[in-house]
C-alpha atoms as a PDB file:
ATOM      1  CA  UNK A   1     -49.947 -37.391 -16.032  1.00  0.00           C
ATOM      2  CA  UNK A   2     -50.852 -33.794 -16.218  1.00  0.00           C
ATOM      3  CA  UNK A   3     -47.518 -33.116 -17.755  1.00  0.00           C
ATOM      4  CA  UNK A   4     -48.226 -35.357 -20.691  1.00  0.00           C
ATOM      5  CA  UNK A   5     -51.523 -33.983 -21.159  1.00  0.00           C
ATOM      6  CA  UNK A   6     -50.137 -30.291 -21.032  1.00  0.00           C
ATOM      7  CA  UNK A   7     -47.364 -31.273 -23.414  1.00  0.00           C
ATOM      8  CA  UNK A   8     -49.848 -32.926 -25.808  1.00  0.00           C
ATOM      9  CA  UNK A   9     -51.944 -29.890 -25.749  1.00  0.00           C
ATOM     10  CA  UNK A  10     -49.024 -27.501 -26.548  1.00  0.00           C
ATOM     11  CA  UNK A  11     -47.733 -29.851 -29.281  1.00  0.00           C
ATOM     12  CA  UNK A  12     -51.202 -29.891 -31.009  1.00  0.00           C
ATOM     13  CA  UNK A  13     -51.559 -26.056 -30.691  1.00  0.00           C
ATOM     14  CA  UNK A  14     -48.178 -25.638 -32.206  1.00  0.00           C
ATOM     15  CA  UNK A  15     -48.966 -27.838 -34.975  1.00  0.00           C
ATOM     16  CA  UNK A  16     -52.294 -26.258 -35.563  1.00  0.00           C
ATOM     17  CA  UNK A  17     -50.612 -22.736 -35.756  1.00  0.00           C
ATOM     18  CA  UNK A  18     -48.124 -23.802 -38.360  1.00  0.00           C
ATOM     19  CA  UNK A  19     -45.081 -24.342 -36.310  1.00  0.00           C
ATOM     20  CA  UNK A  20     -42.502 -26.673 -37.573  1.00  0.00           C
ATOM     21  CA  UNK A  21     -42.008 -30.114 -35.802  1.00  0.00           C
ATOM     22  CA  UNK A  22     -38.336 -29.166 -35.184  1.00  0.00           C
ATOM     23  CA  UNK A  23     -39.296 -26.084 -33.100  1.00  0.00           C
ATOM     24  CA  UNK A  24     -41.294 -28.103 -30.399  1.00  0.00           C
ATOM     25  CA  UNK A  25     -38.171 -29.537 -28.829  1.00  0.00           C
ATOM     26  CA  UNK A  26     -36.678 -26.051 -28.815  1.00  0.00           C
ATOM     27  CA  UNK A  27     -39.695 -24.595 -27.178  1.00  0.00           C
ATOM     28  CA  UNK A  28     -39.653 -27.364 -24.450  1.00  0.00           C
ATOM     29  CA  UNK A  29     -35.860 -26.625 -23.715  1.00  0.00           C
ATOM     30  CA  UNK A  30     -36.656 -22.843 -23.507  1.00  0.00           C
ATOM     31  CA  UNK A  31     -39.418 -23.858 -21.066  1.00  0.00           C
ATOM     32  CA  UNK A  32     -37.120 -25.896 -18.845  1.00  0.00           C
ATOM     33  CA  UNK A  33     -34.540 -23.063 -19.050  1.00  0.00           C
ATOM     34  CA  UNK A  34     -37.112 -20.679 -17.801  1.00  0.00           C
ATOM     35  CA  UNK A  35     -38.206 -23.042 -15.039  1.00  0.00           C
ATOM     36  CA  UNK A  36     -34.650 -23.495 -13.789  1.00  0.00           C
ATOM     37  CA  UNK A  37     -34.148 -19.629 -13.718  1.00  0.00           C
ATOM     38  CA  UNK A  38     -37.277 -19.331 -11.685  1.00  0.00           C
ATOM     39  CA  UNK A  39     -36.192 -22.067  -9.190  1.00  0.00           C
ATOM     40  CA  UNK A  40     -32.778 -20.330  -9.084  1.00  0.00           C
ATOM     41  CA  UNK A  41     -34.408 -17.027  -8.318  1.00  0.00           C
ATOM     42  CA  UNK A  42     -36.412 -18.517  -5.428  1.00  0.00           C
ATOM     43  CA  UNK A  43     -33.286 -20.067  -4.044  1.00  0.00           C
ATOM     44  CA  UNK A  44     -31.299 -16.682  -4.332  1.00  0.00           C
ATOM     45  CA  UNK A  45     -34.360 -14.858  -2.784  1.00  0.00           C
ATOM     46  CA  UNK A  46     -34.604 -17.335   0.250  1.00  0.00           C
ATOM     47  CA  UNK A  47     -30.710 -17.163   0.882  1.00  0.00           C
ATOM     48  CA  UNK A  48     -30.988 -13.272   0.873  1.00  0.00           C
ATOM     49  CA  UNK A  49     -33.882 -13.492   3.383  1.00  0.00           C
ATOM     50  CA  UNK A  50     -31.870 -15.883   5.515  1.00  0.00           C
ATOM     51  CA  UNK A  51     -28.913 -13.475   5.809  1.00  0.00           C
ATOM     52  CA  UNK A  52     -31.340 -10.956   7.539  1.00  0.00           C
ATOM     53  CA  UNK A  53     -32.328 -13.572  10.203  1.00  0.00           C
ATOM     54  CA  UNK A  54     -30.996 -14.496  13.560  1.00  0.00           C
ATOM     55  CA  UNK A  55     -30.373 -17.936  14.921  1.00  0.00           C
ATOM     56  CA  UNK A  56     -32.709 -19.177  17.727  1.00  0.00           C
ATOM     57  CA  UNK A  57     -33.776 -22.412  19.508  1.00  0.00           C
ATOM     58  CA  UNK A  58     -37.374 -23.410  19.680  1.00  0.00           C
ATOM     59  CA  UNK A  59     -39.727 -26.390  19.957  1.00  0.00           C
ATOM     60  CA  UNK A  60     -42.438 -27.539  17.601  1.00  0.00           C
ATOM     61  CA  UNK A  61     -45.823 -26.955  19.081  1.00  0.00           C
ATOM     62  CA  UNK A  62     -48.659 -27.554  16.655  1.00  0.00           C
ATOM     63  CA  UNK A  63     -49.948 -27.340  12.979  1.00  0.00           C
ATOM     64  CA  UNK A  64     -52.290 -24.712  12.007  1.00  0.00           C
ATOM     65  CA  UNK A  65     -53.134 -22.100   9.272  1.00  0.00           C
ATOM     66  CA  UNK A  66     -51.086 -18.880   9.716  1.00  0.00           C
ATOM     67  CA  UNK A  67     -52.698 -15.591   9.166  1.00  0.00           C
ATOM     68  CA  UNK A  68     -52.757 -14.902   5.296  1.00  0.00           C
ATOM     69  CA  UNK A  69     -51.617 -18.343   4.377  1.00  0.00           C
ATOM     70  CA  UNK A  70     -53.461 -20.954   2.080  1.00  0.00           C
ATOM     71  CA  UNK A  71     -51.786 -24.017   3.643  1.00  0.00           C
ATOM     72  CA  UNK A  72     -51.103 -25.528   7.140  1.00  0.00           C
ATOM     73  CA  UNK A  73     -47.937 -24.744   8.462  1.00  0.00           C
ATOM     74  CA  UNK A  74     -45.923 -25.726  11.601  1.00  0.00           C
ATOM     75  CA  UNK A  75     -45.844 -23.421  14.719  1.00  0.00           C
ATOM     76  CA  UNK A  76     -42.688 -23.222  16.811  1.00  0.00           C
ATOM     77  CA  UNK A  77     -42.341 -21.761  20.381  1.00  0.00           C
ATOM     78  CA  UNK A  78     -39.536 -19.455  20.742  1.00  0.00           C
ATOM     79  CA  UNK A  79     -39.115 -17.612  24.123  1.00  0.00           C
ATOM     80  CA  UNK A  80     -42.766 -18.159  25.184  1.00  0.00           C
ATOM     81  CA  UNK A  81     -44.050 -16.849  21.770  1.00  0.00           C
ATOM     82  CA  UNK A  82     -45.398 -18.978  18.838  1.00  0.00           C
ATOM     83  CA  UNK A  83     -44.182 -18.251  15.420  1.00  0.00           C
ATOM     84  CA  UNK A  84     -45.315 -19.879  12.187  1.00  0.00           C
ATOM     85  CA  UNK A  85     -42.867 -21.449   9.825  1.00  0.00           C
ATOM     86  CA  UNK A  86     -42.303 -19.506   6.467  1.00  0.00           C
ATOM     87  CA  UNK A  87     -43.035 -22.638   4.352  1.00  0.00           C
ATOM     88  CA  UNK A  88     -46.152 -24.976   4.313  1.00  0.00           C
ATOM     89  CA  UNK A  89     -45.712 -28.168   6.458  1.00  0.00           C
ATOM     90  CA  UNK A  90     -45.042 -31.591   4.939  1.00  0.00           C
ATOM     91  CA  UNK A  91     -48.150 -33.792   4.594  1.00  0.00           C
ATOM     92  CA  UNK A  92     -46.350 -37.145   4.222  1.00  0.00           C
ATOM     93  CA  UNK A  93     -43.840 -37.603   7.208  1.00  0.00           C
ATOM     94  CA  UNK A  94     -45.269 -35.418   9.745  1.00  0.00           C
ATOM     95  CA  UNK A  95     -44.655 -37.765  12.610  1.00  0.00           C
ATOM     96  CA  UNK A  96     -40.987 -38.077  11.720  1.00  0.00           C
ATOM     97  CA  UNK A  97     -40.139 -34.402  10.644  1.00  0.00           C
ATOM     98  CA  UNK A  98     -42.286 -32.586  13.389  1.00  0.00           C
ATOM     99  CA  UNK A  99     -41.308 -33.957  16.840  1.00  0.00           C
ATOM    100  CA  UNK A 100     -42.906 -32.254  19.781  1.00  0.00           C
ATOM    101  CA  UNK A 101     -40.833 -30.739  22.434  1.00  0.00           C
ATOM    102  CA  UNK A 102     -37.743 -31.479  20.440  1.00  0.00           C
ATOM    103  CA  UNK A 103     -35.353 -28.332  20.573  1.00  0.00           C
ATOM    104  CA  UNK A 104     -34.670 -27.120  16.950  1.00  0.00           C
ATOM    105  CA  UNK A 105     -32.304 -24.566  15.599  1.00  0.00           C
ATOM    106  CA  UNK A 106     -34.293 -22.033  13.753  1.00  0.00           C
ATOM    107  CA  UNK A 107     -33.893 -18.799  11.916  1.00  0.00           C
ATOM    108  CA  UNK A 108     -35.990 -15.978  13.117  1.00  0.00           C
ATOM    109  CA  UNK A 109     -37.225 -13.213  10.701  1.00  0.00           C
ATOM    110  CA  UNK A 110     -38.109 -10.318  13.145  1.00  0.00           C
ATOM    111  CA  UNK A 111     -39.830  -8.271  10.265  1.00  0.00           C
ATOM    112  CA  UNK A 112     -42.254 -10.947   9.489  1.00  0.00           C
ATOM    113  CA  UNK A 113     -42.522 -12.675  12.665  1.00  0.00           C
ATOM    114  CA  UNK A 114     -41.843 -16.018  11.219  1.00  0.00           C
ATOM    115  CA  UNK A 115     -39.177 -18.600  11.453  1.00  0.00           C
ATOM    116  CA  UNK A 116     -37.459 -20.806   9.013  1.00  0.00           C
END
């Protein structure tokens, strides 16, 4: 719904500024290409970050807000220490994704003291 409103506002602004009707689909395609490049950049960044981590086994412990984070994250226990997950936790299928006392393979980032 928000997307339709944003697209309508952009279309009206483009028309008010004198843009031709043909330019609007081109602007939309350029926006999609930029969005895809940002997503690809995030993927590459995450892949590079994963190469500097080591594989560990840990168990899900609890949900909480990590220091400096705005969203709840899952905490895992690895070798008697708790580490937050890098990404925010899922809201919708928590009981199926985060199973307490189940051993999981994690990737530990020693520089940030976080797990993937």
